[in-house]
Amino acid sequence: MNLESFSGVVMVINDFYTGQNNDSGCYMLMTVDNGRGNVVNFVVEPTTYFVHQVKILVGDRVTGFYDADAATPMIYPPQFRAIVMSKDSKRENVKVDSFNRRLQSSDGTLQLNLSPQTEILSTNGQYFTGNIADRNLIVLYSSATRSIPAQTTPHKIIVICT
């Protein structure tokens, strides 16, 4: 997966109908505006992972992560299938990306340094016991160095098993 993100304020939340039977209420469309003239619609599915299982409301500042290589309809505003949604916080940073065997993000901006206190889970909330290298990860951390790449010791890592 080639994960990209878009951040902004949730302007509208509506039900999204897929045309399947009994999908009412299971899919949502979140319209997010970054305040600089860019708007994105995120399709939120039952499998979309919400960091900390937060409830997102109109007016919340969020970041949506999506697969930039996935097929998308040619409409405006762009419509992406949300893989991960995160409510923005001043106390916590969230990075969703593929991390290599050196635990460096695919964009080269973040290097992970694990500690015994780093909690490593799968998206179902259970402890992950496998190797986290060369996987897509949701990384939760409070601070990072100003080096290139920035280094951090995350307090939680969620492994996206696909």
C-alpha atoms as a PDB file:
ATOM      1  CA  MET A   1       0.000   0.000   0.000  1.00  0.00           C
ATOM      2  CA  ASN A   2       1.162   3.496  -0.836  1.00  0.00           C
ATOM      3  CA  LEU A   3      -0.294   5.410   2.112  1.00  0.00           C
ATOM      4  CA  GLU A   4      -0.966   9.155   1.844  1.00  0.00           C
ATOM      5  CA  SER A   5      -2.796  11.494   4.191  1.00  0.00           C
ATOM      6  CA  PHE A   6      -5.094  14.500   4.113  1.00  0.00           C
ATOM      7  CA  SER A   7      -5.815  16.709   7.136  1.00  0.00           C
ATOM      8  CA  GLY A   8      -8.543  19.211   7.770  1.00  0.00           C
ATOM      9  CA  VAL A   9     -11.838  19.956   9.482  1.00  0.00           C
ATOM     10  CA  VAL A  10     -14.840  17.654   9.097  1.00  0.00           C
ATOM     11  CA  MET A  11     -17.541  19.697   7.363  1.00  0.00           C
ATOM     12  CA  VAL A  12     -20.216  17.042   6.745  1.00  0.00           C
ATOM     13  CA  ILE A  13     -20.869  13.419   7.743  1.00  0.00           C
ATOM     14  CA  ASN A  14     -23.492  11.502   5.751  1.00  0.00           C
ATOM     15  CA  ASP A  15     -24.547   7.914   5.256  1.00  0.00           C
ATOM     16  CA  PHE A  16     -22.939   6.410   2.164  1.00  0.00           C
ATOM     17  CA  TYR A  17     -24.877   3.830   0.170  1.00  0.00           C
ATOM     18  CA  THR A  18     -22.922   1.177  -1.717  1.00  0.00           C
ATOM     19  CA  GLY A  19     -25.974  -0.369  -3.375  1.00  0.00           C
ATOM     20  CA  GLN A  20     -25.649  -3.521  -1.280  1.00  0.00           C
ATOM     21  CA  ASN A  21     -28.509  -4.798   0.853  1.00  0.00           C
ATOM     22  CA  ASN A  22     -28.466  -3.778   4.513  1.00  0.00           C
ATOM     23  CA  ASP A  23     -25.508  -1.362   4.185  1.00  0.00           C
ATOM     24  CA  SER A  24     -27.487   1.551   5.633  1.00  0.00           C
ATOM     25  CA  GLY A  25     -25.502   3.065   8.498  1.00  0.00           C
ATOM     26  CA  CYS A  26     -22.461   0.853   7.905  1.00  0.00           C
ATOM     27  CA  TYR A  27     -20.706   3.240   5.503  1.00  0.00           C
ATOM     28  CA  MET A  28     -20.228   6.987   5.914  1.00  0.00           C
ATOM     29  CA  LEU A  29     -18.946   9.815   3.780  1.00  0.00           C
ATOM     30  CA  MET A  30     -16.858  12.407   5.664  1.00  0.00           C
ATOM     31  CA  THR A  31     -16.162  15.668   3.872  1.00  0.00           C
ATOM     32  CA  VAL A  32     -12.873  17.197   5.075  1.00  0.00           C
ATOM     33  CA  ASP A  33     -11.698  20.737   4.210  1.00  0.00           C
ATOM     34  CA  ASN A  34      -8.051  21.718   4.798  1.00  0.00           C
ATOM     35  CA  GLY A  35      -8.863  25.455   4.900  1.00  0.00           C
ATOM     36  CA  ARG A  36      -6.694  26.182   1.850  1.00  0.00           C
ATOM     37  CA  GLY A  37      -9.236  25.434  -0.853  1.00  0.00           C
ATOM     38  CA  ASN A  38      -8.829  21.646  -0.872  1.00  0.00           C
ATOM     39  CA  VAL A  39     -11.664  19.279   0.006  1.00  0.00           C
ATOM     40  CA  VAL A  40     -11.664  15.465   0.171  1.00  0.00           C
ATOM     41  CA  ASN A  41     -14.472  12.984   0.758  1.00  0.00           C
ATOM     42  CA  PHE A  42     -13.429   9.962   2.813  1.00  0.00           C
ATOM     43  CA  VAL A  43     -15.497   6.802   2.476  1.00  0.00           C
ATOM     44  CA  VAL A  44     -15.504   5.280   5.961  1.00  0.00           C
ATOM     45  CA  GLU A  45     -16.110   1.544   5.905  1.00  0.00           C
ATOM     46  CA  PRO A  46     -16.681  -0.957   8.718  1.00  0.00           C
ATOM     47  CA  THR A  47     -12.988  -1.914   8.361  1.00  0.00           C
ATOM     48  CA  THR A  48     -11.663   1.665   8.686  1.00  0.00           C
ATOM     49  CA  TYR A  49      -9.400   1.836  11.744  1.00  0.00           C
ATOM     50  CA  PHE A  50     -10.112   4.772  14.091  1.00  0.00           C
ATOM     51  CA  VAL A  51      -7.129   5.624  16.304  1.00  0.00           C
ATOM     52  CA  HIS A  52      -8.245   5.252  19.954  1.00  0.00           C
ATOM     53  CA  GLN A  53     -11.718   4.348  18.604  1.00  0.00           C
ATOM     54  CA  VAL A  54     -12.683   8.030  18.809  1.00  0.00           C
ATOM     55  CA  LYS A  55     -16.064   9.282  17.664  1.00  0.00           C
ATOM     56  CA  ILE A  56     -15.541  11.947  15.019  1.00  0.00           C
ATOM     57  CA  LEU A  57     -18.024  14.801  14.756  1.00  0.00           C
ATOM     58  CA  VAL A  58     -18.567  17.719  12.392  1.00  0.00           C
ATOM     59  CA  GLY A  59     -16.047  20.430  13.346  1.00  0.00           C
ATOM     60  CA  ASP A  60     -13.323  18.013  14.482  1.00  0.00           C
ATOM     61  CA  ARG A  61      -9.839  18.345  12.987  1.00  0.00           C
ATOM     62  CA  VAL A  62      -8.829  14.962  11.557  1.00  0.00           C
ATOM     63  CA  THR A  63      -6.289  13.218   9.377  1.00  0.00           C
ATOM     64  CA  GLY A  64      -7.413  10.510   7.003  1.00  0.00           C
ATOM     65  CA  PHE A  65      -4.974   7.977   5.580  1.00  0.00           C
ATOM     66  CA  TYR A  66      -5.718   6.266   2.258  1.00  0.00           C
ATOM     67  CA  ASP A  67      -4.062   4.054  -0.346  1.00  0.00           C
ATOM     68  CA  ALA A  68      -2.883   6.464  -3.058  1.00  0.00           C
ATOM     69  CA  ASP A  69      -2.542   3.575  -5.525  1.00  0.00           C
ATOM     70  CA  ALA A  70      -6.160   2.413  -5.138  1.00  0.00           C
ATOM     71  CA  ALA A  71      -8.627   3.103  -7.926  1.00  0.00           C
ATOM     72  CA  THR A  72     -10.664   6.234  -7.274  1.00  0.00           C
ATOM     73  CA  PRO A  73     -13.597   7.754  -9.143  1.00  0.00           C
ATOM     74  CA  MET A  74     -12.759  10.822 -11.256  1.00  0.00           C
ATOM     75  CA  ILE A  75     -15.040  13.233  -9.407  1.00  0.00           C
ATOM     76  CA  TYR A  76     -14.710  16.441  -7.437  1.00  0.00           C
ATOM     77  CA  PRO A  77     -14.113  16.550  -4.610  1.00  0.00           C
ATOM     78  CA  PRO A  78     -11.795  13.521  -4.695  1.00  0.00           C
ATOM     79  CA  GLN A  79     -13.177  10.497  -2.902  1.00  0.00           C
ATOM     80  CA  PHE A  80     -10.817   8.125  -1.087  1.00  0.00           C
ATOM     81  CA  ARG A  81     -11.434   4.944   0.897  1.00  0.00           C
ATOM     82  CA  ALA A  82     -10.205   5.685   4.433  1.00  0.00           C
ATOM     83  CA  ILE A  83      -7.825   3.038   5.771  1.00  0.00           C
ATOM     84  CA  VAL A  84      -7.146   4.912   9.048  1.00  0.00           C
ATOM     85  CA  MET A  85      -8.808   7.983  10.581  1.00  0.00           C
ATOM     86  CA  SER A  86      -7.251   9.969  13.395  1.00  0.00           C
ATOM     87  CA  LYS A  87      -8.603  12.886  15.394  1.00  0.00           C
ATOM     88  CA  ASP A  88      -5.762  15.423  15.625  1.00  0.00           C
ATOM     89  CA  SER A  89      -4.233  16.042  19.063  1.00  0.00           C
ATOM     90  CA  LYS A  90      -1.584  18.413  20.387  1.00  0.00           C
ATOM     91  CA  ARG A  91      -0.319  15.686  22.746  1.00  0.00           C
ATOM     92  CA  GLU A  92       0.132  12.884  20.222  1.00  0.00           C
ATOM     93  CA  ASN A  93       1.442  12.453  16.688  1.00  0.00           C
ATOM     94  CA  VAL A  94       0.217   9.751  14.337  1.00  0.00           C
ATOM     95  CA  LYS A  95       2.215   8.378  11.394  1.00  0.00           C
ATOM     96  CA  VAL A  96       0.746   5.735   9.109  1.00  0.00           C
ATOM     97  CA  ASP A  97       3.262   4.364   6.651  1.00  0.00           C
ATOM     98  CA  SER A  98       5.244   1.367   5.516  1.00  0.00           C
ATOM     99  CA  PHE A  99       8.385   0.858   7.627  1.00  0.00           C
ATOM    100  CA  ASN A 100      11.406  -1.055   6.290  1.00  0.00           C
ATOM    101  CA  ARG A 101      13.698  -3.520   8.088  1.00  0.00           C
ATOM    102  CA  ARG A 102      15.525  -0.576   9.735  1.00  0.00           C
ATOM    103  CA  LEU A 103      12.108   0.702  10.931  1.00  0.00           C
ATOM    104  CA  GLN A 104      12.382   3.807   8.770  1.00  0.00           C
ATOM    105  CA  SER A 105       9.252   5.166   7.096  1.00  0.00           C
ATOM    106  CA  SER A 106       8.938   4.866   3.312  1.00  0.00           C
ATOM    107  CA  ASP A 107       9.172   8.655   2.930  1.00  0.00           C
ATOM    108  CA  GLY A 108      12.383   8.709   5.013  1.00  0.00           C
ATOM    109  CA  THR A 109      11.026  11.180   7.574  1.00  0.00           C
ATOM    110  CA  LEU A 110      10.705   8.980  10.673  1.00  0.00           C
ATOM    111  CA  GLN A 111      12.968   6.395  12.323  1.00  0.00           C
ATOM    112  CA  LEU A 112      11.493   4.189  15.077  1.00  0.00           C
ATOM    113  CA  ASN A 113      13.472   3.279  18.186  1.00  0.00           C
ATOM    114  CA  LEU A 114      11.605   0.615  20.142  1.00  0.00           C
ATOM    115  CA  SER A 115      11.673   0.323  23.904  1.00  0.00           C
ATOM    116  CA  PRO A 116      10.306  -2.354  26.247  1.00  0.00           C
ATOM    117  CA  GLN A 117       7.451   0.098  26.991  1.00  0.00           C
ATOM    118  CA  THR A 118       6.390   0.312  23.322  1.00  0.00           C
ATOM    119  CA  GLU A 119       3.033  -1.450  23.078  1.00  0.00           C
ATOM    120  CA  ILE A 120       2.700  -3.376  19.793  1.00  0.00           C
ATOM    121  CA  LEU A 121      -0.806  -4.457  18.798  1.00  0.00           C
ATOM    122  CA  SER A 122      -2.729  -5.661  15.767  1.00  0.00           C
ATOM    123  CA  THR A 123      -5.798  -3.717  14.607  1.00  0.00           C
ATOM    124  CA  ASN A 124      -8.035  -6.076  16.593  1.00  0.00           C
ATOM    125  CA  GLY A 125      -6.409  -4.859  19.839  1.00  0.00           C
ATOM    126  CA  GLN A 126      -4.454  -8.037  20.568  1.00  0.00           C
ATOM    127  CA  TYR A 127      -0.707  -8.115  21.165  1.00  0.00           C
ATOM    128  CA  PHE A 128       1.269  -8.555  17.952  1.00  0.00           C
ATOM    129  CA  THR A 129       4.090 -11.070  18.349  1.00  0.00           C
ATOM    130  CA  GLY A 130       5.537 -11.089  14.823  1.00  0.00           C
ATOM    131  CA  ASN A 131       8.216  -8.942  13.219  1.00  0.00           C
ATOM    132  CA  ILE A 132       7.007  -5.380  12.536  1.00  0.00           C
ATOM    133  CA  ALA A 133       9.655  -4.674   9.866  1.00  0.00           C
ATOM    134  CA  ASP A 134       8.502  -4.331   6.255  1.00  0.00           C
ATOM    135  CA  ARG A 135       4.900  -3.727   7.284  1.00  0.00           C
ATOM    136  CA  ASN A 136       2.328  -0.950   7.278  1.00  0.00           C
ATOM    137  CA  LEU A 137       2.182   0.537  10.773  1.00  0.00           C
ATOM    138  CA  ILE A 138       0.144   3.066  12.703  1.00  0.00           C
ATOM    139  CA  VAL A 139       2.702   4.749  14.965  1.00  0.00           C
ATOM    140  CA  LEU A 140       1.632   6.827  17.980  1.00  0.00           C
ATOM    141  CA  TYR A 141       4.284   9.029  19.582  1.00  0.00           C
ATOM    142  CA  SER A 142       4.561  12.243  21.567  1.00  0.00           C
ATOM    143  CA  SER A 143       7.855  13.748  20.421  1.00  0.00           C
ATOM    144  CA  ALA A 144      10.667  13.243  17.929  1.00  0.00           C
ATOM    145  CA  THR A 145      14.157  14.567  17.370  1.00  0.00           C
ATOM    146  CA  ARG A 146      14.792  17.297  14.810  1.00  0.00           C
ATOM    147  CA  SER A 147      17.286  15.127  12.931  1.00  0.00           C
ATOM    148  CA  ILE A 148      16.799  13.797   9.427  1.00  0.00           C
ATOM    149  CA  PRO A 149      15.122  11.407   9.671  1.00  0.00           C
ATOM    150  CA  ALA A 150      13.389  12.392  12.874  1.00  0.00           C
ATOM    151  CA  GLN A 151      13.734   9.695  15.529  1.00  0.00           C
ATOM    152  CA  THR A 152      11.119   8.714  18.045  1.00  0.00           C
ATOM    153  CA  THR A 153      10.400   6.069  20.631  1.00  0.00           C
ATOM    154  CA  PRO A 154       6.683   5.418  20.074  1.00  0.00           C
ATOM    155  CA  HIS A 155       4.400   4.512  22.946  1.00  0.00           C
ATOM    156  CA  LYS A 156       2.154   2.418  20.691  1.00  0.00           C
ATOM    157  CA  ILE A 157       2.396   0.729  17.297  1.00  0.00           C
ATOM    158  CA  ILE A 158      -0.584  -0.861  15.569  1.00  0.00           C
ATOM    159  CA  VAL A 159       0.279  -3.327  12.800  1.00  0.00           C
ATOM    160  CA  ILE A 160      -2.035  -3.225   9.780  1.00  0.00           C
ATOM    161  CA  CYS A 161      -2.355  -6.886   8.796  1.00  0.00           C
ATOM    162  CA  THR A 162      -3.584  -7.072   5.196  1.00  0.00           C
END
